């Protein structure tokens, strides 16, 4: 996956996380990968990205 494309995937996933606030990050990422036909091998990295974004959204603003 090209660097620019990878960054676009990450940003898109962050935005969708902010909108939907998934209860199960792993399932959310699996559905995202299947729907948008993302190259395999990034599932763990993208799941961590969603989990970090959820933590950031749930923590009080500083």
N, C-alpha and C. Protein backbone atom coordinates (compact mmCIF):
# COMPACT_ATOMS: atom_id res chain seq x y z
N UNK A 1 0.85 -1.17 0.00
CA UNK A 1 0.00 0.00 0.00
C UNK A 1 0.90 1.24 0.00
N UNK A 2 0.66 2.13 -0.87
CA UNK A 2 1.46 3.35 -0.96
C UNK A 2 1.25 4.20 0.28
N UNK A 3 2.25 4.98 0.62
CA UNK A 3 2.21 5.79 1.85
C UNK A 3 1.01 6.73 1.86
N UNK A 4 0.78 7.44 0.77
CA UNK A 4 -0.34 8.37 0.72
C UNK A 4 -1.66 7.63 0.89
N UNK A 5 -1.80 6.53 0.20
CA UNK A 5 -3.01 5.73 0.28
C UNK A 5 -3.22 5.23 1.71
N UNK A 6 -2.15 4.81 2.34
CA UNK A 6 -2.23 4.31 3.72
C UNK A 6 -2.71 5.41 4.66
N UNK A 7 -2.17 6.62 4.49
CA UNK A 7 -2.59 7.75 5.33
C UNK A 7 -4.06 8.09 5.10
N UNK A 8 -4.51 7.98 3.85
CA UNK A 8 -5.92 8.24 3.55
C UNK A 8 -6.83 7.21 4.22
N UNK A 9 -6.39 5.97 4.23
CA UNK A 9 -7.16 4.91 4.89
C UNK A 9 -7.25 5.20 6.38
N UNK A 10 -6.14 5.56 7.00
CA UNK A 10 -6.13 5.86 8.42
C UNK A 10 -7.04 7.04 8.75
N UNK A 11 -6.96 8.09 7.97
CA UNK A 11 -7.79 9.27 8.24
C UNK A 11 -9.28 8.96 8.05
N UNK A 12 -9.59 8.20 7.04
CA UNK A 12 -10.97 7.81 6.79
C UNK A 12 -11.50 6.97 7.96
N UNK A 13 -10.68 6.05 8.43
CA UNK A 13 -11.10 5.19 9.55
C UNK A 13 -11.27 6.01 10.82
N UNK A 14 -10.40 7.00 11.06
CA UNK A 14 -10.56 7.88 12.22
C UNK A 14 -11.89 8.63 12.15
N UNK A 15 -12.20 9.16 10.97
CA UNK A 15 -13.45 9.90 10.81
C UNK A 15 -14.66 9.00 11.05
N UNK A 16 -14.64 7.80 10.50
CA UNK A 16 -15.75 6.87 10.71
C UNK A 16 -15.87 6.48 12.18
N UNK A 17 -14.74 6.37 12.87
CA UNK A 17 -14.76 6.05 14.29
C UNK A 17 -15.42 7.18 15.08
N UNK A 18 -15.09 8.43 14.73
CA UNK A 18 -15.71 9.57 15.40
C UNK A 18 -17.22 9.59 15.17
N UNK A 19 -17.64 9.23 13.97
CA UNK A 19 -19.07 9.25 13.64
C UNK A 19 -19.83 8.12 14.32
N UNK A 20 -19.33 6.89 14.17
CA UNK A 20 -20.08 5.72 14.63
C UNK A 20 -19.75 5.26 16.05
N UNK A 21 -18.58 5.62 16.56
CA UNK A 21 -18.14 5.19 17.89
C UNK A 21 -18.46 3.72 18.15
N UNK A 22 -17.79 2.83 17.43
CA UNK A 22 -18.11 1.40 17.50
C UNK A 22 -17.85 0.79 18.88
N UNK A 23 -18.70 -0.16 19.26
CA UNK A 23 -18.53 -0.88 20.54
C UNK A 23 -17.44 -1.94 20.41
N UNK A 24 -17.32 -2.53 19.22
CA UNK A 24 -16.34 -3.59 18.98
C UNK A 24 -15.38 -3.15 17.86
N UNK A 25 -14.23 -2.57 18.24
CA UNK A 25 -13.29 -2.06 17.24
C UNK A 25 -12.83 -3.12 16.23
N UNK A 26 -12.61 -4.35 16.70
CA UNK A 26 -12.12 -5.41 15.80
C UNK A 26 -13.14 -5.71 14.70
N UNK A 27 -14.40 -5.84 15.08
CA UNK A 27 -15.46 -6.11 14.09
C UNK A 27 -15.62 -4.92 13.15
N UNK A 28 -15.54 -3.72 13.70
CA UNK A 28 -15.65 -2.49 12.90
C UNK A 28 -14.57 -2.47 11.82
N UNK A 29 -13.33 -2.79 12.20
CA UNK A 29 -12.21 -2.80 11.25
C UNK A 29 -12.40 -3.91 10.21
N UNK A 30 -12.84 -5.09 10.65
CA UNK A 30 -13.07 -6.19 9.70
C UNK A 30 -14.11 -5.79 8.65
N UNK A 31 -15.19 -5.17 9.10
CA UNK A 31 -16.23 -4.72 8.17
C UNK A 31 -15.69 -3.66 7.22
N UNK A 32 -14.88 -2.74 7.75
CA UNK A 32 -14.28 -1.67 6.95
C UNK A 32 -13.37 -2.27 5.87
N UNK A 33 -12.52 -3.20 6.27
CA UNK A 33 -11.59 -3.84 5.33
C UNK A 33 -12.36 -4.58 4.24
N UNK A 34 -13.41 -5.28 4.62
CA UNK A 34 -14.21 -6.02 3.64
C UNK A 34 -14.94 -5.06 2.70
N UNK A 35 -15.56 -4.02 3.25
CA UNK A 35 -16.36 -3.10 2.45
C UNK A 35 -15.51 -2.32 1.46
N UNK A 36 -14.35 -1.83 1.91
CA UNK A 36 -13.51 -0.98 1.07
C UNK A 36 -12.36 -1.72 0.40
N UNK A 37 -12.35 -3.04 0.55
CA UNK A 37 -11.35 -3.91 -0.11
C UNK A 37 -9.93 -3.46 0.16
N UNK A 38 -9.63 -3.28 1.44
CA UNK A 38 -8.29 -2.89 1.87
C UNK A 38 -7.38 -4.11 1.81
N UNK A 39 -6.14 -3.89 1.40
CA UNK A 39 -5.15 -4.96 1.33
C UNK A 39 -4.99 -5.61 2.70
N UNK A 40 -4.88 -6.91 2.74
CA UNK A 40 -4.73 -7.64 3.99
C UNK A 40 -3.44 -7.31 4.71
N UNK A 41 -3.37 -7.66 5.98
CA UNK A 41 -2.16 -7.44 6.75
C UNK A 41 -2.18 -6.18 7.59
N UNK A 42 -3.21 -5.37 7.46
CA UNK A 42 -3.27 -4.11 8.20
C UNK A 42 -4.33 -4.15 9.30
N UNK A 43 -4.98 -5.29 9.46
CA UNK A 43 -6.10 -5.36 10.40
C UNK A 43 -5.70 -4.99 11.83
N UNK A 44 -4.59 -5.54 12.31
CA UNK A 44 -4.16 -5.27 13.69
C UNK A 44 -3.82 -3.79 13.87
N UNK A 45 -3.08 -3.24 12.92
CA UNK A 45 -2.68 -1.83 12.99
C UNK A 45 -3.91 -0.91 12.97
N UNK A 46 -4.88 -1.22 12.11
CA UNK A 46 -6.08 -0.39 12.02
C UNK A 46 -6.96 -0.55 13.25
N UNK A 47 -6.98 -1.75 13.83
CA UNK A 47 -7.75 -1.97 15.06
C UNK A 47 -7.17 -1.12 16.19
N UNK A 48 -5.85 -1.08 16.30
CA UNK A 48 -5.20 -0.24 17.31
C UNK A 48 -5.51 1.23 17.09
N UNK A 49 -5.54 1.64 15.84
CA UNK A 49 -5.87 3.01 15.49
C UNK A 49 -7.28 3.37 15.98
N UNK A 50 -8.24 2.48 15.74
CA UNK A 50 -9.63 2.71 16.17
C UNK A 50 -9.69 2.74 17.70
N UNK A 51 -9.01 1.81 18.36
CA UNK A 51 -9.03 1.78 19.83
C UNK A 51 -8.45 3.07 20.41
N UNK A 52 -7.34 3.55 19.84
CA UNK A 52 -6.74 4.81 20.32
C UNK A 52 -7.68 5.99 20.10
N UNK A 53 -8.33 6.01 18.96
CA UNK A 53 -9.25 7.11 18.66
C UNK A 53 -10.43 7.09 19.64
N UNK A 54 -10.94 5.91 19.97
CA UNK A 54 -12.05 5.80 20.92
C UNK A 54 -11.64 6.29 22.31
N UNK A 55 -10.43 5.94 22.73
CA UNK A 55 -9.91 6.40 24.02
C UNK A 55 -9.80 7.91 24.02
N UNK A 56 -9.30 8.46 22.92
CA UNK A 56 -9.15 9.91 22.81
C UNK A 56 -10.53 10.60 22.87
N UNK A 57 -11.52 10.01 22.22
CA UNK A 57 -12.87 10.59 22.21
C UNK A 57 -13.52 10.51 23.58
N UNK A 58 -13.21 9.46 24.33
CA UNK A 58 -13.84 9.26 25.64
C UNK A 58 -13.14 9.97 26.78
N UNK A 59 -11.92 10.44 26.53
CA UNK A 59 -11.21 11.14 27.61
C UNK A 59 -11.63 12.60 27.63
N UNK A 60 -11.65 13.19 28.82
CA UNK A 60 -12.05 14.60 28.91
C UNK A 60 -11.04 15.50 28.19
N UNK A 61 -11.51 16.53 27.57
CA UNK A 61 -10.62 17.46 26.88
C UNK A 61 -9.72 18.17 27.87
N UNK A 62 -8.47 18.30 27.52
CA UNK A 62 -7.54 18.95 28.46
C UNK A 62 -7.25 20.37 28.09
